[in-house]
Amino acid sequence: MKTVKLKKKKAKYEMGGSPKKSHYSIVIDEDCILLDGDKVIGVYIKIPQTELLSLRKVALNTKYSETYRTSSLPTKSSVFGSQPRNALRNDYCRLTINTIDEVDNFKRLLKFQDYLCSIYKKYLPNDYNNELKWVNDNVEEDYRFSGTPYTSINVNVNHAIKYHIDKGNVKNSYSNIIIVKNNISGGELVLPDYGVALSQCDGFMAIIKGQEVPHGVMPIKQTSGKDYYRASIVYYTPSLIRKCLPYKEEVKRLQQIKVTRARNRAYN
């Protein structure tokens, strides 16, 4: 595969700000390995149509929750797999509702992992093995996708995410982003420190060092037709999932918390 050697530049941008065309001079639109010196910071590859077909079915058929709007485009998300505790919403580790209600879609996402992991292992074998070992050593079996370093999958539609690093993921892990897209312009993934953007065309997958390399998505626009979407499918493991107890113990813990809260309300 072709290698692209990148060099850091004195880029003028703000974390949390929106990417602009002035932040990059090169758009990468082919299979390649991205290098910073001798270090691989990313792999960019077009996935086979047979694999893409299954992911497109998920993107078009999953039940989304609308989060907000960017200009006139609705922004939606669907989450599969495991989620850590959230004290304000669900104070116990669990499988998401989409995982339970959308069995066929979940099976399609799990099957794609075979291809994703094969690419990860081929080009980043040490990183893959280290991440897999960390998950196996630190995450309860109830929450793991067996034989992979992942526990969770997000399907995000029309998200033009501002500059950030992926703080919430397992330390030293790579971020995996697959794009399914139709009748949408824009949406390039910008790496401002290097002055480059990944085209993020339909069917491209990026495996990048997302905790170290700031990145963001260019604004997106509908081009034509009613059938428009830009779905990014992200496989990852949230670092907080290491704190999860086995599922049955999580349920007991939640019951105890509810009893304690009820007693406190009664006393007050």
C-alpha atoms as a PDB file:
ATOM      1  CA  MET A   1       0.000   0.000   0.000  1.00  0.00           C
ATOM      2  CA  LYS A   2       1.142   3.541  -0.718  1.00  0.00           C
ATOM      3  CA  THR A   3       2.686   5.491   2.169  1.00  0.00           C
ATOM      4  CA  VAL A   4       2.159   9.219   2.676  1.00  0.00           C
ATOM      5  CA  LYS A   5       4.761  10.983   4.780  1.00  0.00           C
ATOM      6  CA  LEU A   6       3.298  13.869   6.757  1.00  0.00           C
ATOM      7  CA  LYS A   7       5.000  16.719   8.560  1.00  0.00           C
ATOM      8  CA  LYS A   8       3.550  18.830  11.330  1.00  0.00           C
ATOM      9  CA  LYS A   9       2.939  22.466  10.510  1.00  0.00           C
ATOM     10  CA  LYS A  10       2.215  25.605  12.487  1.00  0.00           C
ATOM     11  CA  ALA A  11      -1.514  25.362  12.051  1.00  0.00           C
ATOM     12  CA  LYS A  12      -3.886  28.126  13.150  1.00  0.00           C
ATOM     13  CA  TYR A  13      -7.045  26.554  14.525  1.00  0.00           C
ATOM     14  CA  GLU A  14      -8.870  26.130  17.815  1.00  0.00           C
ATOM     15  CA  MET A  15      -9.869  22.922  19.545  1.00  0.00           C
ATOM     16  CA  GLY A  16     -13.652  22.956  19.549  1.00  0.00           C
ATOM     17  CA  GLY A  17     -13.698  25.089  16.410  1.00  0.00           C
ATOM     18  CA  SER A  18     -15.036  24.114  12.998  1.00  0.00           C
ATOM     19  CA  PRO A  19     -12.632  22.932  10.274  1.00  0.00           C
ATOM     20  CA  LYS A  20     -12.097  25.237   7.306  1.00  0.00           C
ATOM     21  CA  LYS A  21     -10.688  24.745   3.824  1.00  0.00           C
ATOM     22  CA  SER A  22      -7.780  26.992   4.742  1.00  0.00           C
ATOM     23  CA  HIS A  23      -6.697  24.376   7.310  1.00  0.00           C
ATOM     24  CA  TYR A  24      -5.563  21.896   4.645  1.00  0.00           C
ATOM     25  CA  SER A  25      -3.941  21.948   1.217  1.00  0.00           C
ATOM     26  CA  ILE A  26      -4.089  18.236   0.367  1.00  0.00           C
ATOM     27  CA  VAL A  27      -7.101  15.891   0.158  1.00  0.00           C
ATOM     28  CA  ILE A  28      -6.249  12.191   0.343  1.00  0.00           C
ATOM     29  CA  ASP A  29      -8.608  10.000  -1.693  1.00  0.00           C
ATOM     30  CA  GLU A  30      -6.803   6.667  -2.083  1.00  0.00           C
ATOM     31  CA  ASP A  31      -5.660   3.698  -0.036  1.00  0.00           C
ATOM     32  CA  CYS A  32      -2.598   4.674   1.984  1.00  0.00           C
ATOM     33  CA  ILE A  33      -0.688   4.532   5.243  1.00  0.00           C
ATOM     34  CA  LEU A  34      -0.137   7.897   6.950  1.00  0.00           C
ATOM     35  CA  LEU A  35       3.281   8.323   8.546  1.00  0.00           C
ATOM     36  CA  ASP A  36       4.728  10.914  10.917  1.00  0.00           C
ATOM     37  CA  GLY A  37       8.393  10.007  10.705  1.00  0.00           C
ATOM     38  CA  ASP A  38       8.468   6.264  11.392  1.00  0.00           C
ATOM     39  CA  LYS A  39       5.199   6.269  13.341  1.00  0.00           C
ATOM     40  CA  VAL A  40       1.955   5.202  11.709  1.00  0.00           C
ATOM     41  CA  ILE A  41      -0.757   7.703  12.610  1.00  0.00           C
ATOM     42  CA  GLY A  42      -3.387   6.298  10.296  1.00  0.00           C
ATOM     43  CA  VAL A  43      -4.532   3.808   7.686  1.00  0.00           C
ATOM     44  CA  TYR A  44      -7.008   4.910   5.007  1.00  0.00           C
ATOM     45  CA  ILE A  45      -8.657   2.294   2.827  1.00  0.00           C
ATOM     46  CA  LYS A  46     -11.683   1.749   0.577  1.00  0.00           C
ATOM     47  CA  ILE A  47     -13.656  -1.225   1.847  1.00  0.00           C
ATOM     48  CA  PRO A  48     -15.105  -3.851  -0.548  1.00  0.00           C
ATOM     49  CA  GLN A  49     -18.632  -3.315  -1.815  1.00  0.00           C
ATOM     50  CA  THR A  50     -19.749  -6.604  -0.274  1.00  0.00           C
ATOM     51  CA  GLU A  51     -18.793  -5.291   3.177  1.00  0.00           C
ATOM     52  CA  LEU A  52     -20.227  -1.846   2.483  1.00  0.00           C
ATOM     53  CA  LEU A  53     -23.619  -3.239   1.470  1.00  0.00           C
ATOM     54  CA  SER A  54     -24.209  -4.646   4.941  1.00  0.00           C
ATOM     55  CA  LEU A  55     -23.217  -1.399   6.673  1.00  0.00           C
ATOM     56  CA  ARG A  56     -25.471   0.627   4.386  1.00  0.00           C
ATOM     57  CA  LYS A  57     -28.423  -1.516   5.445  1.00  0.00           C
ATOM     58  CA  VAL A  58     -27.674  -0.630   9.066  1.00  0.00           C
ATOM     59  CA  ALA A  59     -27.321   3.093   8.318  1.00  0.00           C
ATOM     60  CA  LEU A  60     -30.622   3.177   6.418  1.00  0.00           C
ATOM     61  CA  ASN A  61     -32.684   0.951   8.706  1.00  0.00           C
ATOM     62  CA  THR A  62     -31.590   1.548  12.286  1.00  0.00           C
ATOM     63  CA  LYS A  63     -33.818   3.513  14.640  1.00  0.00           C
ATOM     64  CA  TYR A  64     -32.108   6.814  15.397  1.00  0.00           C
ATOM     65  CA  SER A  65     -32.447   9.351  18.162  1.00  0.00           C
ATOM     66  CA  GLU A  66     -32.386  12.884  16.796  1.00  0.00           C
ATOM     67  CA  THR A  67     -29.923  15.005  18.748  1.00  0.00           C
ATOM     68  CA  TYR A  68     -29.828  18.442  17.093  1.00  0.00           C
ATOM     69  CA  ARG A  69     -29.714  20.118  13.701  1.00  0.00           C
ATOM     70  CA  THR A  70     -26.799  21.440  11.684  1.00  0.00           C
ATOM     71  CA  SER A  71     -28.264  24.069   9.348  1.00  0.00           C
ATOM     72  CA  SER A  72     -31.188  22.222   7.755  1.00  0.00           C
ATOM     73  CA  LEU A  73     -29.823  18.688   8.206  1.00  0.00           C
ATOM     74  CA  PRO A  74     -31.095  16.577  11.102  1.00  0.00           C
ATOM     75  CA  THR A  75     -28.320  15.078  13.213  1.00  0.00           C
ATOM     76  CA  LYS A  76     -29.045  11.609  14.544  1.00  0.00           C
ATOM     77  CA  SER A  77     -27.325   8.801  16.433  1.00  0.00           C
ATOM     78  CA  SER A  78     -27.811   5.117  17.057  1.00  0.00           C
ATOM     79  CA  VAL A  79     -25.697   3.161  19.565  1.00  0.00           C
ATOM     80  CA  PHE A  80     -25.041  -0.579  19.666  1.00  0.00           C
ATOM     81  CA  GLY A  81     -23.164  -2.758  22.122  1.00  0.00           C
ATOM     82  CA  SER A  82     -22.216  -1.891  25.690  1.00  0.00           C
ATOM     83  CA  GLN A  83     -22.333   1.404  27.551  1.00  0.00           C
ATOM     84  CA  PRO A  84     -20.762   2.333  30.908  1.00  0.00           C
ATOM     85  CA  ARG A  85     -22.690   3.913  33.766  1.00  0.00           C
ATOM     86  CA  ASN A  86     -24.136   7.374  33.425  1.00  0.00           C
ATOM     87  CA  ALA A  87     -25.239   8.736  36.793  1.00  0.00           C
ATOM     88  CA  LEU A  88     -27.757  11.128  35.202  1.00  0.00           C
ATOM     89  CA  ARG A  89     -29.370   8.689  32.753  1.00  0.00           C
ATOM     90  CA  ASN A  90     -28.646   5.008  33.331  1.00  0.00           C
ATOM     91  CA  ASP A  91     -26.595   4.385  36.453  1.00  0.00           C
ATOM     92  CA  TYR A  92     -25.608   0.860  35.498  1.00  0.00           C
ATOM     93  CA  CYS A  93     -23.550  -0.811  32.764  1.00  0.00           C
ATOM     94  CA  ARG A  94     -25.761  -2.293  30.079  1.00  0.00           C
ATOM     95  CA  LEU A  95     -26.455  -3.205  26.483  1.00  0.00           C
ATOM     96  CA  THR A  96     -28.144  -0.436  24.508  1.00  0.00           C
ATOM     97  CA  ILE A  97     -31.774  -0.630  23.408  1.00  0.00           C
ATOM     98  CA  ASN A  98     -30.724  -0.780  19.732  1.00  0.00           C
ATOM     99  CA  THR A  99     -28.654  -3.873  20.494  1.00  0.00           C
ATOM    100  CA  ILE A 100     -31.699  -5.646  21.921  1.00  0.00           C
ATOM    101  CA  ASP A 101     -34.346  -4.385  19.494  1.00  0.00           C
ATOM    102  CA  GLU A 102     -32.349  -4.542  16.234  1.00  0.00           C
ATOM    103  CA  VAL A 103     -30.886  -8.034  16.203  1.00  0.00           C
ATOM    104  CA  ASP A 104     -30.251  -8.155  12.447  1.00  0.00           C
ATOM    105  CA  ASN A 105     -28.507  -4.792  12.394  1.00  0.00           C
ATOM    106  CA  PHE A 106     -26.363  -5.764  15.363  1.00  0.00           C
ATOM    107  CA  LYS A 107     -25.367  -9.006  13.613  1.00  0.00           C
ATOM    108  CA  ARG A 108     -24.343  -7.028  10.519  1.00  0.00           C
ATOM    109  CA  LEU A 109     -22.168  -4.725  12.615  1.00  0.00           C
ATOM    110  CA  LEU A 110     -20.562  -7.650  14.424  1.00  0.00           C
ATOM    111  CA  LYS A 111     -19.827  -9.412  11.142  1.00  0.00           C
ATOM    112  CA  PHE A 112     -18.048  -6.346   9.751  1.00  0.00           C
ATOM    113  CA  GLN A 113     -15.605  -6.573  12.648  1.00  0.00           C
ATOM    114  CA  ASP A 114     -13.912  -9.498  10.921  1.00  0.00           C
ATOM    115  CA  TYR A 115     -12.851  -7.202   8.084  1.00  0.00           C
ATOM    116  CA  LEU A 116     -12.046  -4.262  10.363  1.00  0.00           C
ATOM    117  CA  CYS A 117      -9.849  -6.385  12.629  1.00  0.00           C
ATOM    118  CA  SER A 118      -8.073  -7.967   9.657  1.00  0.00           C
ATOM    119  CA  ILE A 119      -7.018  -4.508   8.424  1.00  0.00           C
ATOM    120  CA  TYR A 120      -6.060  -3.330  11.914  1.00  0.00           C
ATOM    121  CA  LYS A 121      -3.941  -6.463  12.544  1.00  0.00           C
ATOM    122  CA  LYS A 122      -2.313  -6.338   9.110  1.00  0.00           C
ATOM    123  CA  TYR A 123      -1.036  -2.766   9.290  1.00  0.00           C
ATOM    124  CA  LEU A 124      -0.810  -2.180  13.064  1.00  0.00           C
ATOM    125  CA  PRO A 125      -0.222  -5.624  14.604  1.00  0.00           C
ATOM    126  CA  ASN A 126       1.425  -4.473  17.839  1.00  0.00           C
ATOM    127  CA  ASP A 127      -1.209  -1.826  18.520  1.00  0.00           C
ATOM    128  CA  TYR A 128      -4.019  -4.258  17.761  1.00  0.00           C
ATOM    129  CA  ASN A 129      -2.627  -6.938  20.064  1.00  0.00           C
ATOM    130  CA  ASN A 130      -2.008  -4.448  22.874  1.00  0.00           C
ATOM    131  CA  GLU A 131      -5.534  -3.078  22.646  1.00  0.00           C
ATOM    132  CA  LEU A 132      -7.055  -6.565  22.505  1.00  0.00           C
ATOM    133  CA  LYS A 133      -5.042  -7.624  25.563  1.00  0.00           C
ATOM    134  CA  TRP A 134      -6.133  -4.542  27.506  1.00  0.00           C
ATOM    135  CA  VAL A 135      -9.794  -5.221  26.775  1.00  0.00           C
ATOM    136  CA  ASN A 136      -9.505  -8.904  27.674  1.00  0.00           C
ATOM    137  CA  ASP A 137      -7.662  -8.070  30.918  1.00  0.00           C
ATOM    138  CA  ASN A 138      -9.807  -5.122  32.039  1.00  0.00           C
ATOM    139  CA  VAL A 139     -13.340  -5.526  30.680  1.00  0.00           C
ATOM    140  CA  GLU A 140     -15.865  -8.045  31.936  1.00  0.00           C
ATOM    141  CA  GLU A 141     -16.875 -10.658  29.382  1.00  0.00           C
ATOM    142  CA  ASP A 142     -20.523  -9.511  29.516  1.00  0.00           C
ATOM    143  CA  TYR A 143     -19.586  -6.314  27.672  1.00  0.00           C
ATOM    144  CA  ARG A 144     -16.977  -7.447  25.122  1.00  0.00           C
ATOM    145  CA  PHE A 145     -17.390  -8.308  21.461  1.00  0.00           C
ATOM    146  CA  SER A 146     -15.657 -11.675  21.669  1.00  0.00           C
ATOM    147  CA  GLY A 147     -12.234 -11.853  20.010  1.00  0.00           C
ATOM    148  CA  THR A 148     -12.051  -8.118  19.237  1.00  0.00           C
ATOM    149  CA  PRO A 149     -10.848  -5.001  21.074  1.00  0.00           C
ATOM    150  CA  TYR A 150     -14.308  -3.382  20.894  1.00  0.00           C
ATOM    151  CA  THR A 151     -17.370  -3.104  23.099  1.00  0.00           C
ATOM    152  CA  SER A 152     -19.415  -0.375  21.402  1.00  0.00           C
ATOM    153  CA  ILE A 153     -20.502   0.959  18.007  1.00  0.00           C
ATOM    154  CA  ASN A 154     -21.946   4.390  17.184  1.00  0.00           C
ATOM    155  CA  VAL A 155     -23.807   5.171  13.960  1.00  0.00           C
ATOM    156  CA  ASN A 156     -23.875   8.952  13.579  1.00  0.00           C
ATOM    157  CA  VAL A 157     -25.741  10.710  10.766  1.00  0.00           C
ATOM    158  CA  ASN A 158     -24.857  14.194   9.476  1.00  0.00           C
ATOM    159  CA  HIS A 159     -22.420  14.903  12.315  1.00  0.00           C
ATOM    160  CA  ALA A 160     -19.949  17.660  11.383  1.00  0.00           C
ATOM    161  CA  ILE A 161     -17.885  17.201  14.526  1.00  0.00           C
ATOM    162  CA  LYS A 162     -15.621  20.074  15.540  1.00  0.00           C
ATOM    163  CA  TYR A 163     -11.920  19.713  16.322  1.00  0.00           C
ATOM    164  CA  HIS A 164     -11.270  17.283  19.167  1.00  0.00           C
ATOM    165  CA  ILE A 165      -9.261  14.297  20.306  1.00  0.00           C
ATOM    166  CA  ASP A 166     -10.915  11.050  21.376  1.00  0.00           C
ATOM    167  CA  LYS A 167     -10.362  11.355  25.133  1.00  0.00           C
ATOM    168  CA  GLY A 168     -13.061   8.910  26.182  1.00  0.00           C
ATOM    169  CA  ASN A 169     -11.627   5.859  24.436  1.00  0.00           C
ATOM    170  CA  VAL A 170      -9.186   3.284  25.810  1.00  0.00           C
ATOM    171  CA  LYS A 171      -5.727   4.796  26.202  1.00  0.00           C
ATOM    172  CA  ASN A 172      -3.420   4.413  23.183  1.00  0.00           C
ATOM    173  CA  SER A 173      -6.204   2.937  21.049  1.00  0.00           C
ATOM    174  CA  TYR A 174      -6.820   3.817  17.417  1.00  0.00           C
ATOM    175  CA  SER A 175     -10.136   5.314  16.294  1.00  0.00           C
ATOM    176  CA  ASN A 176     -12.066   3.508  13.545  1.00  0.00           C
ATOM    177  CA  ILE A 177     -14.426   5.437  11.269  1.00  0.00           C
ATOM    178  CA  ILE A 178     -16.328   4.031   8.271  1.00  0.00           C
ATOM    179  CA  ILE A 179     -18.299   6.385   6.024  1.00  0.00           C
ATOM    180  CA  VAL A 180     -21.576   5.539   4.256  1.00  0.00           C
ATOM    181  CA  LYS A 181     -22.706   8.506   2.191  1.00  0.00           C
ATOM    182  CA  ASN A 182     -25.167   9.596  -0.514  1.00  0.00           C
ATOM    183  CA  ASN A 183     -26.113  12.986  -2.059  1.00  0.00           C
ATOM    184  CA  ILE A 184     -23.911  14.863   0.428  1.00  0.00           C
ATOM    185  CA  SER A 185     -20.979  17.190  -0.220  1.00  0.00           C
ATOM    186  CA  GLY A 186     -18.290  18.092   2.291  1.00  0.00           C
ATOM    187  CA  GLY A 187     -17.636  15.995   5.375  1.00  0.00           C
ATOM    188  CA  GLU A 188     -13.881  15.620   4.872  1.00  0.00           C
ATOM    189  CA  LEU A 189     -11.939  14.564   7.968  1.00  0.00           C
ATOM    190  CA  VAL A 190      -9.362  17.292   8.580  1.00  0.00           C
ATOM    191  CA  LEU A 191      -6.047  16.730  10.389  1.00  0.00           C
ATOM    192  CA  PRO A 192      -5.028  20.368  10.837  1.00  0.00           C
ATOM    193  CA  ASP A 193      -1.607  19.725  12.400  1.00  0.00           C
ATOM    194  CA  TYR A 194      -0.539  18.142   9.112  1.00  0.00           C
ATOM    195  CA  GLY A 195      -2.507  20.323   6.696  1.00  0.00           C
ATOM    196  CA  VAL A 196      -4.322  17.356   5.145  1.00  0.00           C
ATOM    197  CA  ALA A 197      -7.874  16.062   4.886  1.00  0.00           C
ATOM    198  CA  LEU A 198      -9.210  12.575   4.232  1.00  0.00           C
ATOM    199  CA  SER A 199     -11.900  12.662   1.556  1.00  0.00           C
ATOM    200  CA  GLN A 200     -14.360  10.507   3.565  1.00  0.00           C
ATOM    201  CA  CYS A 201     -16.030   9.383   0.355  1.00  0.00           C
ATOM    202  CA  ASP A 202     -18.633   6.653   0.427  1.00  0.00           C
ATOM    203  CA  GLY A 203     -17.078   3.366   1.567  1.00  0.00           C
ATOM    204  CA  PHE A 204     -13.778   4.678   2.953  1.00  0.00           C
ATOM    205  CA  MET A 205     -12.495   3.590   6.362  1.00  0.00           C
ATOM    206  CA  ALA A 206     -10.003   5.513   8.481  1.00  0.00           C
ATOM    207  CA  ILE A 207      -8.060   3.986  11.374  1.00  0.00           C
ATOM    208  CA  ILE A 208      -6.314   6.931  13.031  1.00  0.00           C
ATOM    209  CA  LYS A 209      -4.444   7.796  16.214  1.00  0.00           C
ATOM    210  CA  GLY A 210      -7.443   9.769  17.415  1.00  0.00           C
ATOM    211  CA  GLN A 211      -6.224  10.360  20.974  1.00  0.00           C
ATOM    212  CA  GLU A 212      -3.053  12.072  19.781  1.00  0.00           C
ATOM    213  CA  VAL A 213      -4.032  13.657  16.459  1.00  0.00           C
ATOM    214  CA  PRO A 214      -6.658  16.456  16.569  1.00  0.00           C
ATOM    215  CA  HIS A 215      -9.318  15.972  13.916  1.00  0.00           C
ATOM    216  CA  GLY A 216     -12.672  17.385  12.838  1.00  0.00           C
ATOM    217  CA  VAL A 217     -15.267  17.120  10.074  1.00  0.00           C
ATOM    218  CA  MET A 218     -15.891  19.755   7.420  1.00  0.00           C
ATOM    219  CA  PRO A 219     -19.466  21.128   7.140  1.00  0.00           C
ATOM    220  CA  ILE A 220     -21.811  18.941   5.110  1.00  0.00           C
ATOM    221  CA  LYS A 221     -24.529  19.895   2.643  1.00  0.00           C
ATOM    222  CA  GLN A 222     -27.277  18.099   0.774  1.00  0.00           C
ATOM    223  CA  THR A 223     -26.534  18.117  -2.967  1.00  0.00           C
ATOM    224  CA  SER A 224     -29.659  16.666  -4.562  1.00  0.00           C
ATOM    225  CA  GLY A 225     -32.552  14.300  -4.105  1.00  0.00           C
ATOM    226  CA  LYS A 226     -34.428  13.231  -1.020  1.00  0.00           C
ATOM    227  CA  ASP A 227     -32.228  10.206  -0.337  1.00  0.00           C
ATOM    228  CA  TYR A 228     -29.338  12.001   1.375  1.00  0.00           C
ATOM    229  CA  TYR A 229     -27.207  10.994   4.348  1.00  0.00           C
ATOM    230  CA  ARG A 230     -23.667  10.869   5.683  1.00  0.00           C
ATOM    231  CA  ALA A 231     -23.354   8.110   8.265  1.00  0.00           C
ATOM    232  CA  SER A 232     -20.131   7.559  10.188  1.00  0.00           C
ATOM    233  CA  ILE A 233     -19.899   4.145  11.838  1.00  0.00           C
ATOM    234  CA  VAL A 234     -17.450   4.115  14.740  1.00  0.00           C
ATOM    235  CA  TYR A 235     -16.121   1.046  16.567  1.00  0.00           C
ATOM    236  CA  TYR A 236     -14.512   1.742  19.949  1.00  0.00           C
ATOM    237  CA  THR A 237     -14.172   0.862  23.630  1.00  0.00           C
ATOM    238  CA  PRO A 238     -14.954   3.593  26.198  1.00  0.00           C
ATOM    239  CA  SER A 239     -12.311   3.640  28.924  1.00  0.00           C
ATOM    240  CA  LEU A 240     -14.938   3.848  31.703  1.00  0.00           C
ATOM    241  CA  ILE A 241     -16.236   0.390  30.839  1.00  0.00           C
ATOM    242  CA  ARG A 242     -13.330  -1.040  32.813  1.00  0.00           C
ATOM    243  CA  LYS A 243     -15.272  -0.036  35.962  1.00  0.00           C
ATOM    244  CA  CYS A 244     -18.271  -2.202  35.058  1.00  0.00           C
ATOM    245  CA  LEU A 245     -19.149  -5.167  37.241  1.00  0.00           C
ATOM    246  CA  PRO A 246     -20.595  -8.370  35.748  1.00  0.00           C
ATOM    247  CA  TYR A 247     -24.102  -7.556  34.538  1.00  0.00           C
ATOM    248  CA  LYS A 248     -25.971  -9.344  37.351  1.00  0.00           C
ATOM    249  CA  GLU A 249     -23.900  -7.448  39.920  1.00  0.00           C
ATOM    250  CA  GLU A 250     -24.625  -4.185  38.105  1.00  0.00           C
ATOM    251  CA  VAL A 251     -28.370  -4.842  38.489  1.00  0.00           C
ATOM    252  CA  LYS A 252     -27.950  -5.589  42.218  1.00  0.00           C
ATOM    253  CA  ARG A 253     -25.875  -2.438  42.645  1.00  0.00           C
ATOM    254  CA  LEU A 254     -28.594  -0.356  40.962  1.00  0.00           C
ATOM    255  CA  GLN A 255     -31.298  -1.882  43.187  1.00  0.00           C
ATOM    256  CA  GLN A 256     -29.249  -1.027  46.283  1.00  0.00           C
ATOM    257  CA  ILE A 257     -28.796   2.555  45.072  1.00  0.00           C
ATOM    258  CA  LYS A 258     -32.549   2.919  44.530  1.00  0.00           C
ATOM    259  CA  VAL A 259     -33.272   1.599  48.042  1.00  0.00           C
ATOM    260  CA  THR A 260     -30.752   4.016  49.547  1.00  0.00           C
ATOM    261  CA  ARG A 261     -32.207   6.963  47.635  1.00  0.00           C
ATOM    262  CA  ALA A 262     -35.748   6.021  48.719  1.00  0.00           C
ATOM    263  CA  ARG A 263     -34.681   5.858  52.354  1.00  0.00           C
ATOM    264  CA  ASN A 264     -32.923   9.212  52.100  1.00  0.00           C
ATOM    265  CA  ARG A 265     -36.058  10.800  50.620  1.00  0.00           C
ATOM    266  CA  ALA A 266     -38.147   9.306  53.425  1.00  0.00           C
ATOM    267  CA  TYR A 267     -35.798  10.623  56.124  1.00  0.00           C
ATOM    268  CA  ASN A 268     -35.736  14.071  54.544  1.00  0.00           C
END
